[in-house]
Amino acid sequence: MAGTRLKDVAERAGVSIKTVSNVVRGNVRVAEPTRQRVLSAIQELDYRPNASARHLRTGRSGVIALAVPELVQPYFAELATAVIDAAREHDVSVLIEDTGGDPAAELRVACGLSDPLIDGVLLSPQRLDQFTLARRERRVPLVLLGERDYEVPADHVLIDNVLAAQEATAHLIAGGRRRIAAVGFQSDPLFTTSQQRARGYLKALESAGLPHQPELTPLVPAFTRTDGMTAMRGLLALREPPDAVFCFSDLLASGVVRAVYDAGRTVPRDIAVIGFDDIEETRFSVPSLSTVAPDKHQVAQLAVEALLARIAGDPEAPHTTLHAEHRLVARESTA
């Protein structure tokens, strides 16, 4: 109901305004029968707490922002869902921003979107360099997500990409594969995810005594299905094609598998394929895709808890780097 006030809810429930406020904020214990009466009144009157009023009372709005490069990428969509779930446990709402990987948009988010009602920001940057980030004008509480190597005053949540990539490549080697390609190499040093996964791939080859063959590591412009398909077509045109492919993302792997089948070959009999991200579709593809699974729920929980601690605590306290777990999921594509 438009214009419904705390006072209206209190009168409907037969309690004080303070009791209604305590129920809405959820930070004071209220007797269960009373709480249920208040919640019923809130529902009947369609009461919506006013974020601006909450901000004036507490200095906080209960709203944080999450910014990712591309929401159309399944990994980021699944991560966003996990962040929303983690934030909901703390009665916090999440504003989602798609930056498109644009450094200006990423900086705008890092400054709180110029919105005084944003309590803090979770940012997965793609092209924002650390020097620009360090000079941001409005220093809202900030937690960084992902693999970018930053030396800036901000908490950071990530997985060990080098180790994960090394494990994925070692899995192919353990399956008897020896001519192993990697699809996901990029020349731009700002694409740290690619650099780190490439490092893990090369470490696994070195540990197994296998040479790095540059023709097996084609550059890709992005981590898309089309880029994976294009790269794999080039690999299949080699005099000696690979017998396995480590893809730096599941979307790249999807394109790689398509190219293999288009060429009249099969996965994994002719070429084994493993991806990275464990997006939902990998469980249902044919064959199902082996992959590295970052613990997205742990990433979300660590990030939300770190941000809320920064919002509530000392903004100048020492910053931390938090590592989430990952695991290798072996499925049909490497059987």
Protein backbone atom coordinates (compact mmCIF):
# COMPACT_ATOMS: atom_id res chain seq x y z
CA MET A 1 0.00 0.00 0.00
CA ALA A 2 1.53 3.31 -1.08
CA GLY A 3 2.48 5.61 1.78
CA THR A 4 2.27 2.93 4.47
CA ARG A 5 4.27 3.99 7.53
CA LEU A 6 5.77 2.18 10.50
CA LYS A 7 3.00 3.79 12.56
CA ASP A 8 0.33 2.14 10.38
CA VAL A 9 1.92 -1.29 10.81
CA ALA A 10 2.22 -0.74 14.57
CA GLU A 11 -1.47 0.17 14.88
CA ARG A 12 -2.53 -2.86 12.80
CA ALA A 13 -0.38 -5.24 14.88
CA GLY A 14 -1.21 -3.58 18.21
CA VAL A 15 2.43 -2.95 19.12
CA SER A 16 4.77 0.00 19.42
CA ILE A 17 6.59 1.59 16.51
CA LYS A 18 9.88 0.50 18.09
CA THR A 19 8.74 -3.13 18.07
CA VAL A 20 7.91 -2.92 14.36
CA SER A 21 11.32 -1.37 13.72
CA ASN A 22 13.01 -4.18 15.64
CA VAL A 23 11.20 -6.80 13.57
CA VAL A 24 12.05 -5.08 10.29
CA ARG A 25 15.72 -4.69 11.17
CA GLY A 26 15.93 -8.19 12.63
CA ASN A 27 18.72 -7.27 15.05
CA VAL A 28 16.72 -7.35 18.29
CA ARG A 29 15.01 -10.44 19.69
CA VAL A 30 11.20 -10.14 19.59
CA ALA A 31 8.78 -12.69 21.05
CA GLU A 32 7.67 -15.03 18.28
CA PRO A 33 3.88 -14.40 18.60
CA THR A 34 4.53 -10.64 18.45
CA ARG A 35 6.90 -11.01 15.51
CA GLN A 36 4.32 -13.03 13.59
CA ARG A 37 1.65 -10.34 14.24
CA VAL A 38 3.98 -7.67 12.92
CA LEU A 39 4.90 -9.71 9.84
CA SER A 40 1.23 -10.33 9.11
CA ALA A 41 0.51 -6.60 9.37
CA ILE A 42 3.46 -5.83 7.07
CA GLN A 43 2.11 -8.26 4.49
CA GLU A 44 -1.49 -7.03 4.76
CA LEU A 45 -0.45 -3.39 4.38
CA ASP A 46 2.26 -4.17 1.80
CA TYR A 47 4.74 -2.15 3.83
CA ARG A 48 8.13 -1.50 2.17
CA PRO A 49 10.97 -0.17 4.38
CA ASN A 50 12.35 3.10 3.05
CA ALA A 51 16.06 2.74 2.28
CA SER A 52 16.68 6.47 2.52
CA ALA A 53 15.06 6.64 5.96
CA ARG A 54 17.06 3.62 7.09
CA HIS A 55 20.21 5.30 5.85
CA LEU A 56 19.46 8.45 7.84
CA ARG A 57 18.85 6.43 11.03
CA THR A 58 21.79 4.05 10.85
CA GLY A 59 24.20 5.46 8.29
CA ARG A 60 23.63 2.29 6.24
CA SER A 61 21.06 1.35 3.62
CA GLY A 62 21.44 -2.43 3.66
CA VAL A 63 22.29 -2.36 -0.05
CA ILE A 64 25.56 -3.52 -1.61
CA ALA A 65 26.58 -3.60 -5.27
CA LEU A 66 28.01 -6.50 -7.24
CA ALA A 67 29.74 -5.66 -10.52
CA VAL A 68 30.78 -8.31 -13.06
CA PRO A 69 32.13 -8.02 -16.62
CA GLU A 70 29.35 -9.95 -18.36
CA LEU A 71 26.13 -11.26 -16.87
CA VAL A 72 25.48 -13.22 -20.05
CA GLN A 73 28.44 -15.40 -19.09
CA PRO A 74 26.94 -18.32 -17.13
CA TYR A 75 29.77 -18.28 -14.56
CA PHE A 76 29.00 -14.69 -13.55
CA ALA A 77 25.25 -15.30 -13.55
CA GLU A 78 25.73 -18.26 -11.20
CA LEU A 79 28.13 -16.24 -9.02
CA ALA A 80 25.60 -13.40 -8.82
CA THR A 81 22.92 -15.83 -7.61
CA ALA A 82 25.30 -17.12 -4.94
CA VAL A 83 26.09 -13.56 -3.80
CA ILE A 84 22.39 -12.70 -3.55
CA ASP A 85 21.81 -15.83 -1.44
CA ALA A 86 24.76 -15.03 0.83
CA ALA A 87 23.66 -11.43 1.27
CA ARG A 88 20.09 -12.44 2.03
CA GLU A 89 21.34 -14.34 5.08
CA HIS A 90 22.44 -10.96 6.45
CA ASP A 91 19.25 -9.10 5.42
CA VAL A 92 21.20 -7.23 2.74
CA SER A 93 20.02 -6.48 -0.80
CA VAL A 94 22.27 -6.65 -3.85
CA LEU A 95 22.34 -4.27 -6.81
CA ILE A 96 23.80 -6.02 -9.89
CA GLU A 97 25.88 -4.02 -12.38
CA ASP A 98 27.21 -5.32 -15.72
CA THR A 99 30.36 -3.34 -16.57
CA GLY A 100 31.00 -4.95 -19.95
CA GLY A 101 34.66 -5.06 -18.91
CA ASP A 102 34.90 -1.31 -19.52
CA PRO A 103 37.53 0.23 -17.18
CA ALA A 104 35.57 3.48 -16.82
CA ALA A 105 32.47 1.55 -15.77
CA GLU A 106 34.56 -0.56 -13.38
CA LEU A 107 36.01 2.57 -11.77
CA ARG A 108 32.53 4.08 -11.42
CA VAL A 109 31.42 0.97 -9.55
CA ALA A 110 34.55 1.00 -7.37
CA CYS A 111 33.54 4.53 -6.34
CA GLY A 112 30.10 3.33 -5.24
CA LEU A 113 28.23 4.24 -8.45
CA SER A 114 28.03 7.80 -7.07
CA ASP A 115 25.12 6.54 -4.99
CA PRO A 116 25.17 7.42 -1.28
CA LEU A 117 22.80 4.51 -0.58
CA ILE A 118 25.41 1.91 -1.64
CA ASP A 119 27.07 0.63 1.54
CA GLY A 120 29.86 -1.23 -0.24
CA VAL A 121 30.93 -2.89 -3.47
CA LEU A 122 31.94 -6.35 -4.66
CA LEU A 123 33.86 -5.88 -7.90
CA SER A 124 35.13 -8.44 -10.39
CA PRO A 125 37.36 -6.24 -12.56
CA GLN A 126 38.55 -7.15 -16.02
CA ARG A 127 40.46 -4.17 -17.41
CA LEU A 128 40.73 -1.71 -14.51
CA ASP A 129 44.41 -1.25 -13.68
CA GLN A 130 45.59 -1.09 -10.09
CA PHE A 131 46.97 2.45 -10.33
CA THR A 132 43.63 3.91 -11.40
CA LEU A 133 41.84 1.85 -8.76
CA ALA A 134 44.22 3.06 -6.03
CA ARG A 135 43.38 6.68 -6.91
CA ARG A 136 39.60 6.29 -6.79
CA GLU A 137 37.95 9.41 -5.39
CA ARG A 138 35.13 7.95 -3.29
CA ARG A 139 36.47 5.18 -1.08
CA VAL A 140 33.41 3.07 -0.33
CA PRO A 141 34.15 -0.31 1.28
CA LEU A 142 35.40 -2.58 -1.51
CA VAL A 143 36.09 -6.29 -1.94
CA LEU A 144 37.69 -7.54 -5.16
CA LEU A 145 36.74 -10.84 -6.77
CA GLY A 146 38.77 -12.87 -9.22
CA GLU A 147 42.32 -13.35 -10.30
CA ARG A 148 43.60 -9.86 -11.02
CA ASP A 149 46.93 -9.21 -9.29
CA TYR A 150 46.33 -5.97 -7.41
CA GLU A 151 48.41 -4.22 -4.81
CA VAL A 152 45.69 -1.88 -3.59
CA PRO A 153 44.06 -1.37 -0.17
CA ALA A 154 41.14 -3.76 -0.64
CA ASP A 155 40.13 -7.21 0.53
CA HIS A 156 40.37 -9.83 -2.21
CA VAL A 157 38.64 -13.20 -2.73
CA LEU A 158 40.02 -15.61 -5.31
CA ILE A 159 40.91 -19.21 -6.09
CA ASP A 160 44.36 -20.58 -6.91
CA ASN A 161 44.10 -20.48 -10.69
CA VAL A 162 47.63 -21.69 -11.32
CA LEU A 163 47.13 -24.81 -9.19
CA ALA A 164 43.67 -25.46 -10.64
CA ALA A 165 44.97 -25.27 -14.21
CA GLN A 166 47.91 -27.48 -13.32
CA GLU A 167 45.53 -30.09 -11.91
CA ALA A 168 43.31 -29.97 -15.01
CA THR A 169 46.29 -30.52 -17.32
CA ALA A 170 47.70 -33.25 -15.07
CA HIS A 171 44.33 -35.01 -15.29
CA LEU A 172 44.71 -35.21 -19.07
CA ILE A 173 48.28 -36.44 -18.73
CA ALA A 174 47.19 -39.11 -16.26
CA GLY A 175 44.72 -40.32 -18.89
CA GLY A 176 47.59 -41.08 -21.25
CA ARG A 177 47.35 -37.94 -23.37
CA ARG A 178 50.66 -36.46 -24.51
CA ARG A 179 49.93 -33.85 -27.18
CA ILE A 180 47.86 -31.49 -25.06
CA ALA A 181 46.61 -28.17 -26.41
CA ALA A 182 45.44 -25.22 -24.33
CA VAL A 183 42.68 -22.93 -25.60
CA GLY A 184 42.52 -19.63 -23.72
CA PHE A 185 45.92 -17.99 -24.14
CA GLN A 186 45.65 -14.18 -24.48
CA SER A 187 48.37 -11.64 -25.20
CA ASP A 188 46.95 -8.78 -23.10
CA PRO A 189 48.64 -8.85 -19.66
CA LEU A 190 45.52 -7.30 -18.11
CA PHE A 191 43.71 -10.62 -18.67
CA THR A 192 45.23 -12.15 -15.56
CA THR A 193 42.91 -15.14 -15.57
CA SER A 194 44.41 -16.28 -18.87
CA GLN A 195 47.97 -15.62 -17.69
CA GLN A 196 47.52 -17.64 -14.52
CA ARG A 197 45.82 -20.60 -16.18
CA ALA A 198 48.50 -20.62 -18.85
CA ARG A 199 51.12 -20.76 -16.11
CA GLY A 200 49.44 -23.77 -14.52
CA TYR A 201 49.19 -25.55 -17.86
CA LEU A 202 52.89 -25.02 -18.56
CA LYS A 203 53.86 -26.17 -15.06
CA ALA A 204 51.97 -29.44 -15.55
CA LEU A 205 53.71 -30.06 -18.89
CA GLU A 206 57.09 -29.36 -17.34
CA SER A 207 56.41 -31.66 -14.38
CA ALA A 208 55.53 -34.48 -16.80
CA GLY A 209 58.57 -33.85 -18.99
CA LEU A 210 56.41 -32.76 -21.93
CA PRO A 211 57.54 -29.89 -24.17
CA HIS A 212 55.57 -26.68 -24.67
CA GLN A 213 54.61 -26.59 -28.33
CA PRO A 214 53.47 -23.06 -29.29
CA GLU A 215 51.29 -24.34 -32.15
CA LEU A 216 49.13 -26.01 -29.48
CA THR A 217 48.41 -22.75 -27.64
CA PRO A 218 46.46 -20.51 -30.05
CA LEU A 219 45.50 -17.04 -28.89
CA VAL A 220 41.81 -16.26 -28.39
CA PRO A 221 40.19 -12.80 -28.20
CA ALA A 222 37.69 -13.84 -25.51
CA PHE A 223 36.35 -16.84 -23.60
CA THR A 224 33.33 -17.58 -25.82
CA ARG A 225 31.96 -20.65 -27.59
CA THR A 226 32.75 -19.11 -30.98
CA ASP A 227 36.36 -18.40 -29.97
CA GLY A 228 36.71 -21.99 -28.77
CA MET A 229 35.33 -23.37 -32.02
CA THR A 230 37.60 -21.17 -34.14
CA ALA A 231 40.69 -22.10 -32.14
CA MET A 232 39.89 -25.81 -32.34
CA ARG A 233 39.40 -25.69 -36.10
CA GLY A 234 42.92 -24.34 -36.35
CA LEU A 235 44.27 -27.09 -34.10
CA LEU A 236 42.51 -29.77 -36.14
CA ALA A 237 44.15 -28.40 -39.29
CA LEU A 238 47.63 -29.10 -37.89
CA ARG A 239 49.62 -31.96 -39.42
CA GLU A 240 49.44 -33.59 -36.00
CA PRO A 241 46.33 -32.44 -34.10
CA PRO A 242 46.22 -32.62 -30.30
CA ASP A 243 44.91 -35.66 -28.46
CA ALA A 244 43.58 -33.51 -25.59
CA VAL A 245 42.59 -29.90 -24.94
CA PHE A 246 42.55 -27.91 -21.71
CA CYS A 247 40.12 -25.01 -22.12
CA PHE A 248 40.37 -21.96 -19.86
CA SER A 249 36.57 -21.78 -19.59
CA ASP A 250 33.60 -24.08 -20.08
CA LEU A 251 32.28 -21.87 -22.87
CA LEU A 252 35.53 -22.28 -24.78
CA ALA A 253 35.26 -26.04 -24.19
CA SER A 254 31.73 -26.07 -25.60
CA GLY A 255 33.00 -24.55 -28.85
CA VAL A 256 35.95 -26.93 -28.92
CA VAL A 257 33.71 -29.99 -28.61
CA ARG A 258 31.46 -28.70 -31.39
CA ALA A 259 34.44 -28.28 -33.72
CA VAL A 260 35.68 -31.80 -32.93
CA TYR A 261 32.30 -33.32 -33.86
CA ASP A 262 31.98 -31.14 -36.96
CA ALA A 263 35.30 -32.63 -38.11
CA GLY A 264 33.91 -36.16 -37.81
CA ARG A 265 35.81 -37.00 -34.64
CA THR A 266 34.57 -37.79 -31.16
CA VAL A 267 35.21 -36.74 -27.57
CA PRO A 268 36.89 -38.34 -25.67
CA ARG A 269 37.88 -41.24 -27.96
CA ASP A 270 39.87 -39.07 -30.36
CA ILE A 271 40.36 -35.94 -28.29
CA ALA A 272 39.77 -35.48 -24.55
CA VAL A 273 38.48 -32.08 -23.41
CA ILE A 274 38.39 -30.42 -20.00
CA GLY A 275 37.00 -26.98 -19.16
CA PHE A 276 36.99 -24.56 -16.26
CA ASP A 277 34.14 -23.01 -14.18
CA ASP A 278 31.68 -25.92 -13.77
CA ILE A 279 28.72 -24.00 -15.18
CA GLU A 280 25.41 -25.85 -15.03
CA GLU A 281 25.28 -26.85 -18.69
CA THR A 282 28.47 -28.94 -18.36
CA ARG A 283 26.50 -31.58 -16.45
CA PHE A 284 23.97 -31.97 -19.25
CA SER A 285 26.09 -31.68 -22.39
CA VAL A 286 26.83 -34.79 -24.44
CA PRO A 287 29.35 -35.89 -23.48
CA SER A 288 29.20 -34.32 -20.04
CA LEU A 289 32.19 -32.01 -19.61
CA SER A 290 35.04 -32.55 -17.21
CA THR A 291 35.91 -29.24 -15.58
CA VAL A 292 37.45 -27.35 -12.69
CA ALA A 293 34.77 -26.30 -10.21
CA PRO A 294 35.49 -23.15 -8.18
CA ASP A 295 33.36 -23.14 -5.04
CA LYS A 296 31.11 -20.25 -6.09
CA HIS A 297 29.08 -20.40 -2.89
CA GLN A 298 32.22 -20.12 -0.79
CA VAL A 299 33.47 -17.25 -2.96
CA ALA A 300 30.15 -15.47 -2.37
CA GLN A 301 30.09 -16.12 1.37
CA LEU A 302 33.68 -15.01 1.90
CA ALA A 303 33.14 -11.89 -0.20
CA VAL A 304 29.87 -10.82 1.44
CA GLU A 305 31.17 -11.45 4.95
CA ALA A 306 34.41 -9.57 4.23
CA LEU A 307 32.48 -6.62 2.81
CA LEU A 308 30.00 -6.45 5.70
CA ALA A 309 32.88 -6.65 8.19
CA ARG A 310 34.58 -3.77 6.38
CA ILE A 311 31.35 -1.74 6.37
CA ALA A 312 30.79 -2.27 10.09
CA GLY A 313 34.42 -2.06 11.19
CA ASP A 314 37.54 0.00 10.76
CA PRO A 315 37.99 1.01 7.10
CA GLU A 316 41.75 1.35 7.69
CA ALA A 317 42.19 -2.13 9.23
CA PRO A 318 44.67 -4.43 7.44
CA HIS A 319 43.25 -5.91 4.27
CA THR A 320 43.16 -9.64 3.62
CA THR A 321 43.35 -12.05 0.69
CA LEU A 322 40.91 -14.94 1.04
CA HIS A 323 41.21 -18.15 -0.97
CA ALA A 324 38.14 -20.18 -1.90
CA GLU A 325 38.40 -23.86 -2.70
CA HIS A 326 38.18 -25.57 -6.06
CA ARG A 327 37.95 -29.18 -7.19
CA LEU A 328 38.43 -31.14 -10.36
CA VAL A 329 35.25 -32.81 -11.66
CA ALA A 330 35.97 -35.72 -14.00
CA ARG A 331 33.12 -36.49 -16.40
CA GLU A 332 32.62 -38.22 -19.76
CA SER A 333 34.71 -35.83 -21.89
CA THR A 334 37.95 -37.17 -20.39
CA ALA A 335 36.85 -40.75 -19.61
